[in-house]
Amino acid sequence: MKQEYLEAVDKLENEYDAFYIENKYGDGTHKKEFELLAKLKGEKVPNALRWIKRCYDCYYKNELGGPDSPFAYLRQVIEEEL
């Protein structure tokens, strides 16, 4: 179960593009991953997912990563919760 959540975070980090019109205004390309991660109970999970959904482009993942990124936060919540 934990692995499924971690894979969802990896997919978003490596594949997601908020500026693709279907992601910005439609159901998007990673609906399954967002729905799964929304089940986490961390205090800032909704904010992290909202930022990814609206602002993140995997093209810039090396510039937007690090210990303070939403992805690092989601991984931390997964490790603590599951």
PDB file of N, CA and C in Angstrom:
ATOM      1  N   MET A   1       0.823  -1.187   0.000  1.00  0.00           N
ATOM      2  CA  MET A   1       0.000   0.000   0.000  1.00  0.00           C
ATOM      3  C   MET A   1       0.877   1.264   0.000  1.00  0.00           C
ATOM      4  N   LYS A   2       1.859   1.305   0.870  1.00  0.00           N
ATOM      5  CA  LYS A   2       2.765   2.449   0.931  1.00  0.00           C
ATOM      6  C   LYS A   2       3.451   2.653  -0.412  1.00  0.00           C
ATOM      7  N   GLN A   3       3.841   1.580  -1.055  1.00  0.00           N
ATOM      8  CA  GLN A   3       4.526   1.663  -2.342  1.00  0.00           C
ATOM      9  C   GLN A   3       3.636   2.318  -3.397  1.00  0.00           C
ATOM     10  N   GLU A   4       2.345   2.042  -3.356  1.00  0.00           N
ATOM     11  CA  GLU A   4       1.407   2.642  -4.305  1.00  0.00           C
ATOM     12  C   GLU A   4       1.380   4.168  -4.156  1.00  0.00           C
ATOM     13  N   TYR A   5       1.405   4.636  -2.928  1.00  0.00           N
ATOM     14  CA  TYR A   5       1.417   6.077  -2.672  1.00  0.00           C
ATOM     15  C   TYR A   5       2.731   6.711  -3.137  1.00  0.00           C
ATOM     16  N   LEU A   6       3.829   6.052  -2.843  1.00  0.00           N
ATOM     17  CA  LEU A   6       5.131   6.572  -3.266  1.00  0.00           C
ATOM     18  C   LEU A   6       5.244   6.610  -4.788  1.00  0.00           C
ATOM     19  N   GLU A   7       4.698   5.608  -5.455  1.00  0.00           N
ATOM     20  CA  GLU A   7       4.707   5.590  -6.917  1.00  0.00           C
ATOM     21  C   GLU A   7       3.868   6.725  -7.481  1.00  0.00           C
ATOM     22  N   ALA A   8       2.757   7.050  -6.817  1.00  0.00           N
ATOM     23  CA  ALA A   8       1.915   8.160  -7.256  1.00  0.00           C
ATOM     24  C   ALA A   8       2.684   9.476  -7.172  1.00  0.00           C
ATOM     25  N   VAL A   9       3.427   9.673  -6.081  1.00  0.00           N
ATOM     26  CA  VAL A   9       4.246  10.883  -5.938  1.00  0.00           C
ATOM     27  C   VAL A   9       5.309  10.925  -7.031  1.00  0.00           C
ATOM     28  N   ASP A  10       5.962   9.801  -7.283  1.00  0.00           N
ATOM     29  CA  ASP A  10       6.998   9.739  -8.325  1.00  0.00           C
ATOM     30  C   ASP A  10       6.426  10.081  -9.699  1.00  0.00           C
ATOM     31  N   LYS A  11       5.246   9.555 -10.002  1.00  0.00           N
ATOM     32  CA  LYS A  11       4.628   9.828 -11.304  1.00  0.00           C
ATOM     33  C   LYS A  11       4.341  11.313 -11.466  1.00  0.00           C
ATOM     34  N   LEU A  12       3.799  11.921 -10.419  1.00  0.00           N
ATOM     35  CA  LEU A  12       3.526  13.350 -10.507  1.00  0.00           C
ATOM     36  C   LEU A  12       4.813  14.139 -10.686  1.00  0.00           C
ATOM     37  N   GLU A  13       5.819  13.796  -9.910  1.00  0.00           N
ATOM     38  CA  GLU A  13       7.082  14.534  -9.976  1.00  0.00           C
ATOM     39  C   GLU A  13       7.769  14.381 -11.329  1.00  0.00           C
ATOM     40  N   ASN A  14       7.663  13.223 -11.936  1.00  0.00           N
ATOM     41  CA  ASN A  14       8.399  12.936 -13.167  1.00  0.00           C
ATOM     42  C   ASN A  14       7.610  13.144 -14.454  1.00  0.00           C
ATOM     43  N   GLU A  15       6.265  13.263 -14.352  1.00  0.00           N
ATOM     44  CA  GLU A  15       5.459  13.302 -15.569  1.00  0.00           C
ATOM     45  C   GLU A  15       4.462  14.451 -15.653  1.00  0.00           C
ATOM     46  N   TYR A  16       4.127  15.080 -14.542  1.00  0.00           N
ATOM     47  CA  TYR A  16       3.006  16.012 -14.534  1.00  0.00           C
ATOM     48  C   TYR A  16       3.365  17.373 -15.143  1.00  0.00           C
ATOM     49  N   ASP A  17       2.416  17.949 -15.853  1.00  0.00           N
ATOM     50  CA  ASP A  17       2.567  19.265 -16.462  1.00  0.00           C
ATOM     51  C   ASP A  17       1.275  20.050 -16.223  1.00  0.00           C
ATOM     52  N   ALA A  18       1.308  20.985 -15.283  1.00  0.00           N
ATOM     53  CA  ALA A  18       0.125  21.768 -14.935  1.00  0.00           C
ATOM     54  C   ALA A  18      -0.334  22.663 -16.073  1.00  0.00           C
ATOM     55  N   PHE A  19       0.545  22.925 -17.032  1.00  0.00           N
ATOM     56  CA  PHE A  19       0.208  23.855 -18.094  1.00  0.00           C
ATOM     57  C   PHE A  19      -0.411  23.181 -19.315  1.00  0.00           C
ATOM     58  N   TYR A  20      -0.498  21.859 -19.272  1.00  0.00           N
ATOM     59  CA  TYR A  20      -1.252  21.122 -20.285  1.00  0.00           C
ATOM     60  C   TYR A  20      -2.720  21.456 -20.036  1.00  0.00           C
ATOM     61  N   ILE A  21      -3.419  21.901 -21.038  1.00  0.00           N
ATOM     62  CA  ILE A  21      -4.764  22.460 -20.872  1.00  0.00           C
ATOM     63  C   ILE A  21      -5.729  21.485 -20.186  1.00  0.00           C
ATOM     64  N   GLU A  22      -5.625  20.215 -20.472  1.00  0.00           N
ATOM     65  CA  GLU A  22      -6.512  19.223 -19.849  1.00  0.00           C
ATOM     66  C   GLU A  22      -6.233  19.109 -18.347  1.00  0.00           C
ATOM     67  N   ASN A  23      -4.995  19.278 -17.944  1.00  0.00           N
ATOM     68  CA  ASN A  23      -4.665  19.244 -16.519  1.00  0.00           C
ATOM     69  C   ASN A  23      -5.161  20.506 -15.820  1.00  0.00           C
ATOM     70  N   LYS A  24      -5.007  21.632 -16.462  1.00  0.00           N
ATOM     71  CA  LYS A  24      -5.364  22.920 -15.865  1.00  0.00           C
ATOM     72  C   LYS A  24      -6.877  23.059 -15.699  1.00  0.00           C
ATOM     73  N   TYR A  25      -7.647  22.597 -16.688  1.00  0.00           N
ATOM     74  CA  TYR A  25      -9.085  22.865 -16.677  1.00  0.00           C
ATOM     75  C   TYR A  25      -9.959  21.620 -16.763  1.00  0.00           C
ATOM     76  N   GLY A  26      -9.369  20.455 -16.904  1.00  0.00           N
ATOM     77  CA  GLY A  26     -10.159  19.238 -17.032  1.00  0.00           C
ATOM     78  C   GLY A  26      -9.833  18.242 -15.945  1.00  0.00           C
ATOM     79  N   ASP A  27     -10.151  16.987 -16.196  1.00  0.00           N
ATOM     80  CA  ASP A  27      -9.857  15.918 -15.238  1.00  0.00           C
ATOM     81  C   ASP A  27      -8.364  15.651 -15.157  1.00  0.00           C
ATOM     82  N   GLY A  28      -7.668  15.883 -16.235  1.00  0.00           N
ATOM     83  CA  GLY A  28      -6.220  15.771 -16.216  1.00  0.00           C
ATOM     84  C   GLY A  28      -5.689  14.394 -16.515  1.00  0.00           C
ATOM     85  N   THR A  29      -4.373  14.344 -16.633  1.00  0.00           N
ATOM     86  CA  THR A  29      -3.680  13.118 -17.004  1.00  0.00           C
ATOM     87  C   THR A  29      -3.331  12.248 -15.806  1.00  0.00           C
ATOM     88  N   HIS A  30      -3.407  12.792 -14.596  1.00  0.00           N
ATOM     89  CA  HIS A  30      -3.006  12.039 -13.410  1.00  0.00           C
ATOM     90  C   HIS A  30      -4.091  12.069 -12.327  1.00  0.00           C
ATOM     91  N   LYS A  31      -5.315  11.975 -12.765  1.00  0.00           N
ATOM     92  CA  LYS A  31      -6.455  12.029 -11.844  1.00  0.00           C
ATOM     93  C   LYS A  31      -6.348  10.952 -10.764  1.00  0.00           C
ATOM     94  N   LYS A  32      -5.974   9.750 -11.158  1.00  0.00           N
ATOM     95  CA  LYS A  32      -5.859   8.623 -10.223  1.00  0.00           C
ATOM     96  C   LYS A  32      -4.856   8.930  -9.106  1.00  0.00           C
ATOM     97  N   GLU A  33      -3.718   9.496  -9.470  1.00  0.00           N
ATOM     98  CA  GLU A  33      -2.684   9.804  -8.482  1.00  0.00           C
ATOM     99  C   GLU A  33      -3.145  10.891  -7.511  1.00  0.00           C
ATOM    100  N   PHE A  34      -3.790  11.932  -8.036  1.00  0.00           N
ATOM    101  CA  PHE A  34      -4.289  12.997  -7.158  1.00  0.00           C
ATOM    102  C   PHE A  34      -5.353  12.472  -6.198  1.00  0.00           C
ATOM    103  N   GLU A  35      -6.248  11.627  -6.692  1.00  0.00           N
ATOM    104  CA  GLU A  35      -7.298  11.065  -5.835  1.00  0.00           C
ATOM    105  C   GLU A  35      -6.704  10.197  -4.729  1.00  0.00           C
ATOM    106  N   LEU A  36      -5.707   9.409  -5.060  1.00  0.00           N
ATOM    107  CA  LEU A  36      -5.063   8.551  -4.072  1.00  0.00           C
ATOM    108  C   LEU A  36      -4.367   9.394  -3.000  1.00  0.00           C
ATOM    109  N   LEU A  37      -3.574  10.351  -3.422  1.00  0.00           N
ATOM    110  CA  LEU A  37      -2.809  11.164  -2.475  1.00  0.00           C
ATOM    111  C   LEU A  37      -3.707  12.068  -1.633  1.00  0.00           C
ATOM    112  N   ALA A  38      -4.866  12.404  -2.129  1.00  0.00           N
ATOM    113  CA  ALA A  38      -5.810  13.234  -1.367  1.00  0.00           C
ATOM    114  C   ALA A  38      -6.325  12.501  -0.126  1.00  0.00           C
ATOM    115  N   LYS A  39      -6.152  11.212  -0.067  1.00  0.00           N
ATOM    116  CA  LYS A  39      -6.588  10.424   1.101  1.00  0.00           C
ATOM    117  C   LYS A  39      -5.634  10.574   2.286  1.00  0.00           C
ATOM    118  N   LEU A  40      -4.451  11.106   2.042  1.00  0.00           N
ATOM    119  CA  LEU A  40      -3.491  11.298   3.134  1.00  0.00           C
ATOM    120  C   LEU A  40      -4.013  12.353   4.100  1.00  0.00           C
ATOM    121  N   LYS A  41      -3.647  12.226   5.363  1.00  0.00           N
ATOM    122  CA  LYS A  41      -4.181  13.095   6.386  1.00  0.00           C
ATOM    123  C   LYS A  41      -3.252  14.220   6.842  1.00  0.00           C
ATOM    124  N   GLY A  42      -2.143  14.415   6.200  1.00  0.00           N
ATOM    125  CA  GLY A  42      -1.221  15.481   6.587  1.00  0.00           C
ATOM    126  C   GLY A  42      -1.876  16.855   6.494  1.00  0.00           C
ATOM    127  N   GLU A  43      -1.492  17.724   7.388  1.00  0.00           N
ATOM    128  CA  GLU A  43      -2.085  19.059   7.481  1.00  0.00           C
ATOM    129  C   GLU A  43      -1.976  19.858   6.177  1.00  0.00           C
ATOM    130  N   LYS A  44      -0.863  19.715   5.483  1.00  0.00           N
ATOM    131  CA  LYS A  44      -0.620  20.512   4.276  1.00  0.00           C
ATOM    132  C   LYS A  44      -0.808  19.724   2.982  1.00  0.00           C
ATOM    133  N   VAL A  45      -1.364  18.527   3.078  1.00  0.00           N
ATOM    134  CA  VAL A  45      -1.562  17.703   1.877  1.00  0.00           C
ATOM    135  C   VAL A  45      -2.412  18.434   0.840  1.00  0.00           C
ATOM    136  N   PRO A  46      -3.564  19.023   1.214  1.00  0.00           N
ATOM    137  CA  PRO A  46      -4.356  19.727   0.192  1.00  0.00           C
ATOM    138  C   PRO A  46      -3.578  20.859  -0.487  1.00  0.00           C
ATOM    139  N   ASN A  47      -2.784  21.585   0.278  1.00  0.00           N
ATOM    140  CA  ASN A  47      -1.991  22.674  -0.307  1.00  0.00           C
ATOM    141  C   ASN A  47      -0.926  22.131  -1.257  1.00  0.00           C
ATOM    142  N   ALA A  48      -0.260  21.062  -0.861  1.00  0.00           N
ATOM    143  CA  ALA A  48       0.775  20.466  -1.712  1.00  0.00           C
ATOM    144  C   ALA A  48       0.177  19.979  -3.030  1.00  0.00           C
ATOM    145  N   LEU A  49      -0.954  19.301  -2.949  1.00  0.00           N
ATOM    146  CA  LEU A  49      -1.587  18.783  -4.167  1.00  0.00           C
ATOM    147  C   LEU A  49      -2.117  19.919  -5.042  1.00  0.00           C
ATOM    148  N   ARG A  50      -2.646  20.943  -4.426  1.00  0.00           N
ATOM    149  CA  ARG A  50      -3.150  22.097  -5.186  1.00  0.00           C
ATOM    150  C   ARG A  50      -1.994  22.793  -5.931  1.00  0.00           C
ATOM    151  N   TRP A  51      -0.852  22.955  -5.267  1.00  0.00           N
ATOM    152  CA  TRP A  51       0.294  23.590  -5.914  1.00  0.00           C
ATOM    153  C   TRP A  51       0.765  22.746  -7.096  1.00  0.00           C
ATOM    154  N   ILE A  52       0.874  21.448  -6.888  1.00  0.00           N
ATOM    155  CA  ILE A  52       1.304  20.567  -7.977  1.00  0.00           C
ATOM    156  C   ILE A  52       0.321  20.674  -9.139  1.00  0.00           C
ATOM    157  N   LYS A  53      -0.959  20.544  -8.838  1.00  0.00           N
ATOM    158  CA  LYS A  53      -1.988  20.546  -9.884  1.00  0.00           C
ATOM    159  C   LYS A  53      -1.994  21.852 -10.685  1.00  0.00           C
ATOM    160  N   ARG A  54      -1.771  22.969 -10.021  1.00  0.00           N
ATOM    161  CA  ARG A  54      -1.920  24.266 -10.697  1.00  0.00           C
ATOM    162  C   ARG A  54      -0.608  24.887 -11.188  1.00  0.00           C
ATOM    163  N   CYS A  55       0.517  24.491 -10.598  1.00  0.00           N
ATOM    164  CA  CYS A  55       1.770  25.215 -10.883  1.00  0.00           C
ATOM    165  C   CYS A  55       2.938  24.369 -11.363  1.00  0.00           C
ATOM    166  N   TYR A  56       2.904  23.076 -11.181  1.00  0.00           N
ATOM    167  CA  TYR A  56       4.097  22.254 -11.383  1.00  0.00           C
ATOM    168  C   TYR A  56       4.247  21.767 -12.816  1.00  0.00           C
ATOM    169  N   ASP A  57       5.453  21.832 -13.315  1.00  0.00           N
ATOM    170  CA  ASP A  57       5.803  21.285 -14.623  1.00  0.00           C
ATOM    171  C   ASP A  57       7.046  20.414 -14.427  1.00  0.00           C
ATOM    172  N   CYS A  58       6.951  19.147 -14.764  1.00  0.00           N
ATOM    173  CA  CYS A  58       8.049  18.207 -14.529  1.00  0.00           C
ATOM    174  C   CYS A  58       9.326  18.613 -15.262  1.00  0.00           C
ATOM    175  N   TYR A  59       9.194  19.439 -16.272  1.00  0.00           N
ATOM    176  CA  TYR A  59      10.375  19.919 -16.988  1.00  0.00           C
ATOM    177  C   TYR A  59      11.339  20.631 -16.041  1.00  0.00           C
ATOM    178  N   TYR A  60      10.794  21.243 -14.990  1.00  0.00           N
ATOM    179  CA  TYR A  60      11.607  21.995 -14.039  1.00  0.00           C
ATOM    180  C   TYR A  60      11.843  21.249 -12.731  1.00  0.00           C
ATOM    181  N   LYS A  61      11.688  19.941 -12.739  1.00  0.00           N
ATOM    182  CA  LYS A  61      11.764  19.176 -11.488  1.00  0.00           C
ATOM    183  C   LYS A  61      13.097  19.335 -10.759  1.00  0.00           C
ATOM    184  N   ASN A  62      14.181  19.494 -11.467  1.00  0.00           N
ATOM    185  CA  ASN A  62      15.485  19.646 -10.807  1.00  0.00           C
ATOM    186  C   ASN A  62      15.613  20.999 -10.109  1.00  0.00           C
ATOM    187  N   GLU A  63      14.890  21.974 -10.584  1.00  0.00           N
ATOM    188  CA  GLU A  63      14.936  23.301  -9.979  1.00  0.00           C
ATOM    189  C   GLU A  63      13.934  23.461  -8.840  1.00  0.00           C
ATOM    190  N   LEU A  64      12.890  22.646  -8.845  1.00  0.00           N
ATOM    191  CA  LEU A  64      11.812  22.785  -7.874  1.00  0.00           C
ATOM    192  C   LEU A  64      11.823  21.695  -6.809  1.00  0.00           C
ATOM    193  N   GLY A  65      12.830  20.869  -6.798  1.00  0.00           N
ATOM    194  CA  GLY A  65      12.901  19.769  -5.850  1.00  0.00           C
ATOM    195  C   GLY A  65      13.514  20.188  -4.531  1.00  0.00           C
ATOM    196  N   GLY A  66      14.026  19.227  -3.831  1.00  0.00           N
ATOM    197  CA  GLY A  66      14.695  19.513  -2.573  1.00  0.00           C
ATOM    198  C   GLY A  66      13.841  19.181  -1.367  1.00  0.00           C
ATOM    199  N   PRO A  67      14.396  19.397  -0.195  1.00  0.00           N
ATOM    200  CA  PRO A  67      13.723  18.986   1.041  1.00  0.00           C
ATOM    201  C   PRO A  67      12.484  19.802   1.384  1.00  0.00           C
ATOM    202  N   ASP A  68      12.304  20.959   0.760  1.00  0.00           N
ATOM    203  CA  ASP A  68      11.139  21.786   1.048  1.00  0.00           C
ATOM    204  C   ASP A  68      10.060  21.690  -0.027  1.00  0.00           C
ATOM    205  N   SER A  69      10.219  20.786  -0.958  1.00  0.00           N
ATOM    206  CA  SER A  69       9.255  20.669  -2.053  1.00  0.00           C
ATOM    207  C   SER A  69       7.985  19.957  -1.587  1.00  0.00           C
ATOM    208  N   PRO A  70       6.887  20.173  -2.285  1.00  0.00           N
ATOM    209  CA  PRO A  70       5.659  19.452  -1.969  1.00  0.00           C
ATOM    210  C   PRO A  70       5.829  17.928  -2.084  1.00  0.00           C
ATOM    211  N   PHE A  71       6.704  17.506  -2.977  1.00  0.00           N
ATOM    212  CA  PHE A  71       6.936  16.066  -3.155  1.00  0.00           C
ATOM    213  C   PHE A  71       7.632  15.473  -1.938  1.00  0.00           C
ATOM    214  N   ALA A  72       8.622  16.184  -1.416  1.00  0.00           N
ATOM    215  CA  ALA A  72       9.305  15.728  -0.204  1.00  0.00           C
ATOM    216  C   ALA A  72       8.321  15.681   0.960  1.00  0.00           C
ATOM    217  N   TYR A  73       7.456  16.682   1.048  1.00  0.00           N
ATOM    218  CA  TYR A  73       6.447  16.699   2.111  1.00  0.00           C
ATOM    219  C   TYR A  73       5.510  15.497   1.992  1.00  0.00           C
ATOM    220  N   LEU A  74       5.022  15.224   0.793  1.00  0.00           N
ATOM    221  CA  LEU A  74       4.113  14.090   0.602  1.00  0.00           C
ATOM    222  C   LEU A  74       4.805  12.769   0.955  1.00  0.00           C
ATOM    223  N   ARG A  75       6.062  12.623   0.571  1.00  0.00           N
ATOM    224  CA  ARG A  75       6.796  11.407   0.918  1.00  0.00           C
ATOM    225  C   ARG A  75       6.941  11.269   2.440  1.00  0.00           C
ATOM    226  N   GLN A  76       7.194  12.369   3.101  1.00  0.00           N
ATOM    227  CA  GLN A  76       7.310  12.354   4.561  1.00  0.00           C
ATOM    228  C   GLN A  76       5.990  11.933   5.205  1.00  0.00           C
ATOM    229  N   VAL A  77       4.890  12.477   4.727  1.00  0.00           N
ATOM    230  CA  VAL A  77       3.572  12.103   5.257  1.00  0.00           C
ATOM    231  C   VAL A  77       3.312  10.623   5.035  1.00  0.00           C
ATOM    232  N   ILE A  78       3.641  10.133   3.861  1.00  0.00           N
ATOM    233  CA  ILE A  78       3.457   8.697   3.554  1.00  0.00           C
ATOM    234  C   ILE A  78       4.272   7.845   4.509  1.00  0.00           C
ATOM    235  N   GLU A  79       5.529   8.208   4.726  1.00  0.00           N
ATOM    236  CA  GLU A  79       6.388   7.440   5.627  1.00  0.00           C
ATOM    237  C   GLU A  79       5.842   7.431   7.065  1.00  0.00           C
ATOM    238  N   GLU A  80       5.307   8.565   7.500  1.00  0.00           N
ATOM    239  CA  GLU A  80       4.799   8.660   8.868  1.00  0.00           C
ATOM    240  C   GLU A  80       3.422   8.011   9.021  1.00  0.00           C
ATOM    241  N   GLU A  81       2.602   8.088   7.999  1.00  0.00           N
ATOM    242  CA  GLU A  81       1.217   7.650   8.094  1.00  0.00           C
ATOM    243  C   GLU A  81       1.015   6.180   7.765  1.00  0.00           C
ATOM    244  N   LEU A  82       1.795   5.665   6.827  1.00  0.00           N
ATOM    245  CA  LEU A  82       1.542   4.286   6.371  1.00  0.00           C
ATOM    246  C   LEU A  82       2.577   3.314   6.876  1.00  0.00           C
TER     247      LEU A  82
END
